[in-house]
Amino acid sequence: GGARVSFQQLASYIAEEEISFYLVATRPFERGWQRVLNPLVVFWRCLLYLPSVDVIWGNMSYGGIRSLGPLLFLLARLSRKKIILRPFGSRLRETYDSLGVSAKWLFRKTVLRADLLFLQTQSLIDYFTPWSKRIAHLPTSRKIPNAYLSAAAARSYRKRFVFLGHIKAAKGIDEIIAVREQLPDDYIIHCYGPIKEDKYLAWAKTDGLYQGILPNERVLAKLNEYDVLLLPTYFSGEGYPGVIIEAYALGIPVISTDWRSIPEILSDGETGRLIPPKSVTDLREAMTGIDDLSYRLWSEQARQQFALHFQQKLVLGQALREIKHLI
């Protein structure tokens, strides 16, 4: 998933910058009743490392922030260390709004009072700023090999479309299946990703639309074989999808939905098209409306968006400067 890829790249970047750190997995137990022990195990492991660190930096899902955030905040305050929290994705607001009165109070007094709160989207920053001590924007970023970046300028439009992500209804798979039947024969669509809902198992075995699962190290090479990324999502946890960032780096325009925070990173008619969720008609019109001129324009602007806003060195470098300022 995108959160794991983002965290893996964060850890690699910190190591490349020769900053020493200890890595504590927030979910040592993935399944069964043992999962209830995760907060205590993480708390104990952090306690062991406390004497030799300056900062506790929690990178977690919205569920992890809710359960572990207050514990890490307490640990940091008792040890007089700085506490930084970073929830992945865009569902922190829904997490907060679903809490009871006392739980909201605890959340405001701990998680939102962290020395630094990194949030992925501007809409989350706008919502939580009144309660927070200090907020900084930490969008999704990617490290892209120079070979891909230099080759992105030579893209041409061949009517090849691709979806990369979890195979489930909320990602718009049904709409992709439906639109394929309405397109001329020279349009090619392929879908890659793990199947997350059983109803797609039989379809995946018999339909050439599905091409299987890609390991992370092959995503860029495979994405580079196509012209346009399709992401007609209405997934409730959507933030800044990493696959859009990767497409931008390769100069690949994107057709996605006017959904949650996606309009913050995808401008309709500039780096691709924004369409209403669950609309096969709008998806078809967006796909068939691309011509060579618009494709070249969108491709160039996608590359510029990546260079200005989503390069890993740029984004994570700024994050580390924020942290060093705290220390």
Protein backbone atom coordinates (compact mmCIF):
# COMPACT_ATOMS: atom_id res chain seq x y z
CA GLY A 1 0.00 0.00 0.00
CA GLY A 2 0.91 3.64 -0.42
CA ALA A 3 1.57 4.26 3.28
CA ARG A 4 4.12 1.48 3.48
CA VAL A 5 5.90 2.66 0.35
CA SER A 6 6.01 6.23 1.70
CA PHE A 7 7.38 5.09 5.04
CA GLN A 8 9.97 2.81 3.43
CA GLN A 9 11.22 5.72 1.34
CA LEU A 10 11.27 7.99 4.41
CA ALA A 11 13.43 5.54 6.36
CA SER A 12 15.79 5.16 3.39
CA TYR A 13 16.09 8.91 2.99
CA ILE A 14 16.93 9.47 6.66
CA ALA A 15 19.60 6.78 6.43
CA GLU A 16 21.07 8.40 3.29
CA GLU A 17 21.27 11.71 5.17
CA GLU A 18 23.37 9.89 7.82
CA ILE A 19 20.94 10.66 10.62
CA SER A 20 20.92 7.90 13.23
CA PHE A 21 17.54 6.45 14.19
CA TYR A 22 15.85 3.44 15.70
CA LEU A 23 12.95 1.89 13.81
CA VAL A 24 10.01 0.55 15.82
CA ALA A 25 7.27 -1.29 13.92
CA THR A 26 3.87 0.01 15.01
CA ARG A 27 2.19 -3.32 14.27
CA PRO A 28 4.48 -6.09 15.54
CA PHE A 29 1.42 -8.36 15.58
CA GLU A 30 -0.60 -8.28 12.36
CA ARG A 31 -3.34 -10.83 13.11
CA GLY A 32 -5.35 -12.45 15.88
CA TRP A 33 -5.97 -11.42 19.45
CA GLN A 34 -2.31 -10.38 19.87
CA ARG A 35 -3.04 -7.15 17.98
CA VAL A 36 -4.45 -5.67 21.20
CA LEU A 37 -0.90 -5.83 22.58
CA ASN A 38 0.57 -3.64 19.81
CA PRO A 39 0.31 -0.26 21.64
CA LEU A 40 1.98 -1.68 24.76
CA VAL A 41 4.77 -3.38 22.80
CA VAL A 42 5.49 -0.19 20.85
CA PHE A 43 5.41 1.88 24.05
CA TRP A 44 7.90 -0.48 25.72
CA ARG A 45 10.30 -0.53 22.76
CA CYS A 46 10.24 3.28 22.55
CA LEU A 47 10.96 3.42 26.27
CA LEU A 48 14.13 1.37 25.74
CA TYR A 49 15.45 3.79 23.11
CA LEU A 50 14.54 7.02 24.93
CA PRO A 51 17.89 7.73 26.63
CA SER A 52 19.72 8.01 23.29
CA VAL A 53 17.24 9.98 21.14
CA ASP A 54 16.15 13.60 20.75
CA VAL A 55 12.85 13.04 18.97
CA ILE A 56 10.02 10.52 18.83
CA TRP A 57 8.49 10.55 15.34
CA GLY A 58 5.29 8.54 14.98
CA ASN A 59 4.33 7.66 11.38
CA MET A 60 1.03 5.80 11.59
CA SER A 61 -2.37 5.15 10.10
CA TYR A 62 -5.31 7.11 11.45
CA GLY A 63 -6.11 4.13 13.71
CA GLY A 64 -2.55 4.06 15.01
CA ILE A 65 -2.60 7.78 15.72
CA ARG A 66 -5.80 7.34 17.72
CA SER A 67 -4.48 4.49 19.87
CA LEU A 68 -0.72 5.12 19.98
CA GLY A 69 -0.62 8.90 19.63
CA PRO A 70 -1.65 9.73 23.23
CA LEU A 71 0.77 7.11 24.63
CA LEU A 72 3.72 8.47 22.64
CA PHE A 73 2.78 12.04 23.61
CA LEU A 74 2.79 11.07 27.30
CA LEU A 75 6.12 9.27 26.90
CA ALA A 76 7.67 12.31 25.22
CA ARG A 77 6.42 14.72 27.85
CA LEU A 78 7.61 12.58 30.77
CA SER A 79 11.07 12.21 29.19
CA ARG A 80 11.24 15.83 27.92
CA LYS A 81 11.72 14.70 24.34
CA LYS A 82 10.18 16.27 21.27
CA ILE A 83 7.16 14.45 19.81
CA ILE A 84 6.27 14.52 16.10
CA LEU A 85 3.24 12.76 14.68
CA ARG A 86 2.36 12.00 11.08
CA PRO A 87 -0.89 10.22 10.20
CA PHE A 88 -0.92 8.68 6.73
CA GLY A 89 -3.76 9.39 4.33
CA SER A 90 -6.66 11.78 4.70
CA ARG A 91 -9.00 10.16 7.23
CA LEU A 92 -7.76 11.91 10.36
CA ARG A 93 -10.76 14.24 10.35
CA GLU A 94 -13.21 11.32 10.18
CA THR A 95 -11.29 9.63 12.96
CA TYR A 96 -11.54 12.71 15.17
CA ASP A 97 -15.21 13.37 14.36
CA SER A 98 -16.14 9.78 15.26
CA LEU A 99 -14.74 10.08 18.81
CA GLY A 100 -16.83 10.69 21.90
CA VAL A 101 -16.60 13.89 23.92
CA SER A 102 -13.90 12.65 26.33
CA ALA A 103 -11.89 10.96 23.57
CA LYS A 104 -11.95 14.18 21.52
CA TRP A 105 -10.67 16.10 24.53
CA LEU A 106 -7.81 13.60 24.95
CA PHE A 107 -7.04 13.78 21.22
CA ARG A 108 -6.84 17.59 21.31
CA LYS A 109 -4.65 17.59 24.43
CA THR A 110 -2.21 14.99 23.10
CA VAL A 111 -2.13 14.30 19.36
CA LEU A 112 -3.01 17.84 18.30
CA ARG A 113 -0.56 19.30 20.85
CA ALA A 114 2.43 17.44 19.44
CA ASP A 115 5.50 19.61 18.95
CA LEU A 116 5.02 19.08 15.22
CA LEU A 117 2.10 17.53 13.37
CA PHE A 118 2.74 16.55 9.76
CA LEU A 119 -0.41 16.32 7.63
CA GLN A 120 -0.67 15.08 4.06
CA THR A 121 -3.38 17.36 2.65
CA GLN A 122 -4.16 21.06 2.78
CA SER A 123 -7.77 20.36 3.75
CA LEU A 124 -6.58 18.56 6.90
CA ILE A 125 -4.27 21.46 7.74
CA ASP A 126 -7.13 23.93 7.39
CA TYR A 127 -9.37 21.82 9.63
CA PHE A 128 -6.93 21.13 12.49
CA THR A 129 -4.98 24.40 12.61
CA PRO A 130 -7.20 26.00 15.32
CA TRP A 131 -6.26 23.25 17.80
CA SER A 132 -2.71 22.42 16.83
CA LYS A 133 0.53 23.67 18.32
CA ARG A 134 2.42 23.46 15.04
CA ILE A 135 1.39 21.94 11.70
CA ALA A 136 3.47 21.37 8.56
CA HIS A 137 2.51 20.01 5.16
CA LEU A 138 4.09 16.65 4.31
CA PRO A 139 2.65 15.50 0.99
CA THR A 140 3.29 12.19 -0.68
CA SER A 141 6.68 12.19 -2.41
CA ARG A 142 8.74 9.77 -4.43
CA LYS A 143 12.37 9.18 -5.36
CA ILE A 144 12.51 8.57 -9.11
CA PRO A 145 15.70 7.37 -10.87
CA ASN A 146 17.15 9.94 -13.25
CA ALA A 147 16.79 7.56 -16.20
CA TYR A 148 13.00 7.74 -15.90
CA LEU A 149 12.96 11.51 -15.41
CA SER A 150 15.06 12.18 -18.51
CA ALA A 151 13.00 9.82 -20.67
CA ALA A 152 9.68 11.40 -19.62
CA ALA A 153 10.13 14.34 -22.00
CA ALA A 154 9.79 12.11 -25.07
CA ARG A 155 6.32 10.72 -24.39
CA SER A 156 3.79 10.23 -27.20
CA TYR A 157 0.11 9.31 -27.08
CA ARG A 158 -0.77 5.75 -28.13
CA LYS A 159 -4.15 5.27 -26.37
CA ARG A 160 -2.69 2.96 -23.72
CA PHE A 161 -4.32 3.33 -20.28
CA VAL A 162 -3.36 1.71 -17.00
CA PHE A 163 -4.73 1.27 -13.47
CA LEU A 164 -2.34 0.40 -10.63
CA GLY A 165 -3.74 -0.16 -7.15
CA HIS A 166 -5.95 -2.37 -5.03
CA ILE A 167 -8.54 -4.22 -7.07
CA LYS A 168 -11.78 -3.27 -5.31
CA ALA A 169 -14.98 -1.46 -6.16
CA ALA A 170 -14.11 1.77 -4.32
CA LYS A 171 -11.11 2.26 -6.59
CA GLY A 172 -13.39 2.43 -9.63
CA ILE A 173 -12.77 -1.04 -11.04
CA ASP A 174 -16.41 -1.56 -12.07
CA GLU A 175 -16.34 1.69 -14.01
CA ILE A 176 -13.12 0.67 -15.79
CA ILE A 177 -14.65 -2.70 -16.71
CA ALA A 178 -17.77 -0.99 -18.04
CA VAL A 179 -15.97 1.70 -20.06
CA ARG A 180 -13.78 -0.85 -21.81
CA GLU A 181 -16.89 -2.14 -23.62
CA GLN A 182 -17.69 1.36 -24.92
CA LEU A 183 -14.29 2.20 -26.42
CA PRO A 184 -12.96 1.66 -29.95
CA ASP A 185 -10.75 -1.39 -30.48
CA ASP A 186 -7.53 0.64 -30.64
CA TYR A 187 -7.83 1.63 -26.96
CA ILE A 188 -5.88 -0.56 -24.53
CA ILE A 189 -6.60 -0.76 -20.78
CA HIS A 190 -4.72 -2.91 -18.27
CA CYS A 191 -5.18 -3.22 -14.50
CA TYR A 192 -2.48 -4.26 -12.00
CA GLY A 193 -2.74 -4.85 -8.28
CA PRO A 194 -3.73 -7.23 -5.48
CA ILE A 195 -7.35 -8.40 -5.52
CA LYS A 196 -9.06 -7.18 -2.36
CA GLU A 197 -12.65 -8.30 -3.01
CA ASP A 198 -13.70 -11.84 -3.88
CA LYS A 199 -16.14 -10.76 -6.58
CA TYR A 200 -13.16 -9.96 -8.83
CA LEU A 201 -11.45 -13.35 -8.53
CA ALA A 202 -13.30 -15.03 -11.41
CA TRP A 203 -13.02 -11.88 -13.55
CA ALA A 204 -9.26 -11.73 -13.03
CA LYS A 205 -8.78 -15.29 -14.26
CA THR A 206 -10.63 -14.84 -17.54
CA ASP A 207 -10.36 -11.17 -18.51
CA GLY A 208 -7.21 -9.84 -20.18
CA LEU A 209 -7.95 -6.48 -18.59
CA TYR A 210 -6.31 -7.79 -15.39
CA GLN A 211 -2.55 -8.27 -15.64
CA GLY A 212 -1.62 -9.41 -12.12
CA ILE A 213 0.36 -8.00 -9.19
CA LEU A 214 3.47 -5.87 -9.54
CA PRO A 215 6.22 -5.80 -6.90
CA ASN A 216 7.15 -2.26 -5.89
CA GLU A 217 10.46 -2.33 -7.73
CA ARG A 218 8.66 -2.96 -11.06
CA VAL A 219 5.95 -0.31 -10.76
CA LEU A 220 7.81 2.52 -12.49
CA ALA A 221 9.00 0.38 -15.40
CA LYS A 222 5.51 -0.98 -16.01
CA LEU A 223 3.81 2.40 -15.59
CA ASN A 224 6.23 3.84 -18.15
CA GLU A 225 4.81 1.47 -20.79
CA TYR A 226 1.48 3.33 -20.78
CA ASP A 227 0.28 6.81 -21.70
CA VAL A 228 -2.42 7.71 -19.16
CA LEU A 229 -3.12 6.63 -15.58
CA LEU A 230 -6.73 5.78 -14.70
CA LEU A 231 -7.82 6.22 -11.09
CA PRO A 232 -11.63 6.66 -10.99
CA THR A 233 -11.62 6.24 -7.22
CA TYR A 234 -14.19 6.90 -4.54
CA PHE A 235 -12.21 5.16 -1.79
CA SER A 236 -12.92 6.76 1.59
CA GLY A 237 -9.26 6.80 2.67
CA GLU A 238 -7.90 8.54 -0.40
CA GLY A 239 -5.33 11.26 0.29
CA TYR A 240 -2.61 12.08 -2.23
CA PRO A 241 -2.34 8.75 -4.08
CA GLY A 242 1.28 7.79 -4.57
CA VAL A 243 0.56 6.36 -8.01
CA ILE A 244 -0.49 9.84 -9.23
CA ILE A 245 2.84 11.22 -8.01
CA GLU A 246 4.70 8.43 -9.80
CA ALA A 247 2.75 9.08 -13.00
CA TYR A 248 3.57 12.79 -12.84
CA ALA A 249 7.27 12.02 -12.51
CA LEU A 250 7.13 10.04 -15.76
CA GLY A 251 5.15 12.75 -17.56
CA ILE A 252 2.00 10.63 -17.56
CA PRO A 253 -1.32 12.52 -17.36
CA VAL A 254 -4.01 11.24 -15.01
CA ILE A 255 -7.76 10.74 -15.24
CA SER A 256 -9.15 10.64 -11.72
CA THR A 257 -12.18 11.75 -9.74
CA ASP A 258 -13.22 14.97 -8.05
CA TRP A 259 -12.97 13.15 -4.74
CA ARG A 260 -11.62 14.13 -1.32
CA SER A 261 -8.14 15.69 -1.67
CA ILE A 262 -7.37 14.62 -5.24
CA PRO A 263 -8.32 18.06 -6.65
CA GLU A 264 -5.47 19.50 -4.56
CA ILE A 265 -2.95 17.73 -6.78
CA LEU A 266 -4.84 17.22 -10.06
CA SER A 267 -6.07 20.28 -11.95
CA ASP A 268 -8.69 19.51 -14.59
CA GLY A 269 -7.38 20.33 -18.05
CA GLU A 270 -3.81 20.89 -16.83
CA THR A 271 -2.33 17.55 -15.76
CA GLY A 272 -5.25 15.39 -16.84
CA ARG A 273 -8.97 15.25 -16.19
CA LEU A 274 -11.15 15.29 -13.08
CA ILE A 275 -14.47 13.50 -13.46
CA PRO A 276 -17.40 12.78 -11.11
CA PRO A 277 -17.12 9.50 -9.16
CA LYS A 278 -19.02 6.46 -10.46
CA SER A 279 -19.65 7.97 -13.90
CA VAL A 280 -18.85 5.64 -16.78
CA THR A 281 -20.03 8.27 -19.27
CA ASP A 282 -17.63 10.92 -17.97
CA LEU A 283 -14.80 8.40 -17.83
CA ARG A 284 -15.36 7.46 -21.48
CA GLU A 285 -15.54 11.10 -22.58
CA ALA A 286 -12.34 11.94 -20.69
CA MET A 287 -10.50 9.05 -22.33
CA THR A 288 -11.73 9.67 -25.86
CA GLY A 289 -11.25 13.44 -25.56
CA ILE A 290 -7.46 13.23 -25.44
CA ASP A 291 -5.59 14.24 -28.59
CA ASP A 292 -1.89 14.65 -29.36
CA LEU A 293 -1.84 18.37 -28.55
CA SER A 294 -3.58 18.10 -25.17
CA TYR A 295 -1.48 15.05 -24.31
CA ARG A 296 1.82 16.87 -24.85
CA LEU A 297 0.61 19.82 -22.78
CA TRP A 298 -0.65 17.68 -19.90
CA SER A 299 2.48 15.53 -19.95
CA GLU A 300 4.78 18.53 -19.62
CA GLN A 301 2.69 20.06 -16.83
CA ALA A 302 2.63 16.72 -14.97
CA ARG A 303 6.44 16.68 -15.03
CA GLN A 304 6.53 20.24 -13.72
CA GLN A 305 4.12 19.39 -10.90
CA PHE A 306 6.37 16.57 -9.77
CA ALA A 307 9.52 18.68 -9.98
CA LEU A 308 8.01 21.55 -7.98
CA HIS A 309 5.99 19.73 -5.34
CA PHE A 310 6.61 15.98 -5.03
CA GLN A 311 10.33 15.20 -5.43
CA GLN A 312 11.43 13.22 -2.41
CA LYS A 313 14.58 15.26 -1.81
CA LEU A 314 12.55 18.47 -1.84
CA VAL A 315 9.68 17.25 0.36
CA LEU A 316 11.60 15.20 2.91
CA GLY A 317 14.43 17.70 3.00
CA GLN A 318 11.96 20.35 4.14
CA ALA A 319 10.52 17.94 6.73
CA LEU A 320 13.97 17.30 8.21
CA ARG A 321 14.63 21.04 8.37
CA GLU A 322 11.41 21.44 10.37
CA ILE A 323 12.54 18.72 12.77
CA LYS A 324 16.05 20.15 13.18
CA HIS A 325 14.50 23.53 13.95
CA LEU A 326 12.61 21.88 16.83
CA ILE A 327 15.79 20.39 18.25
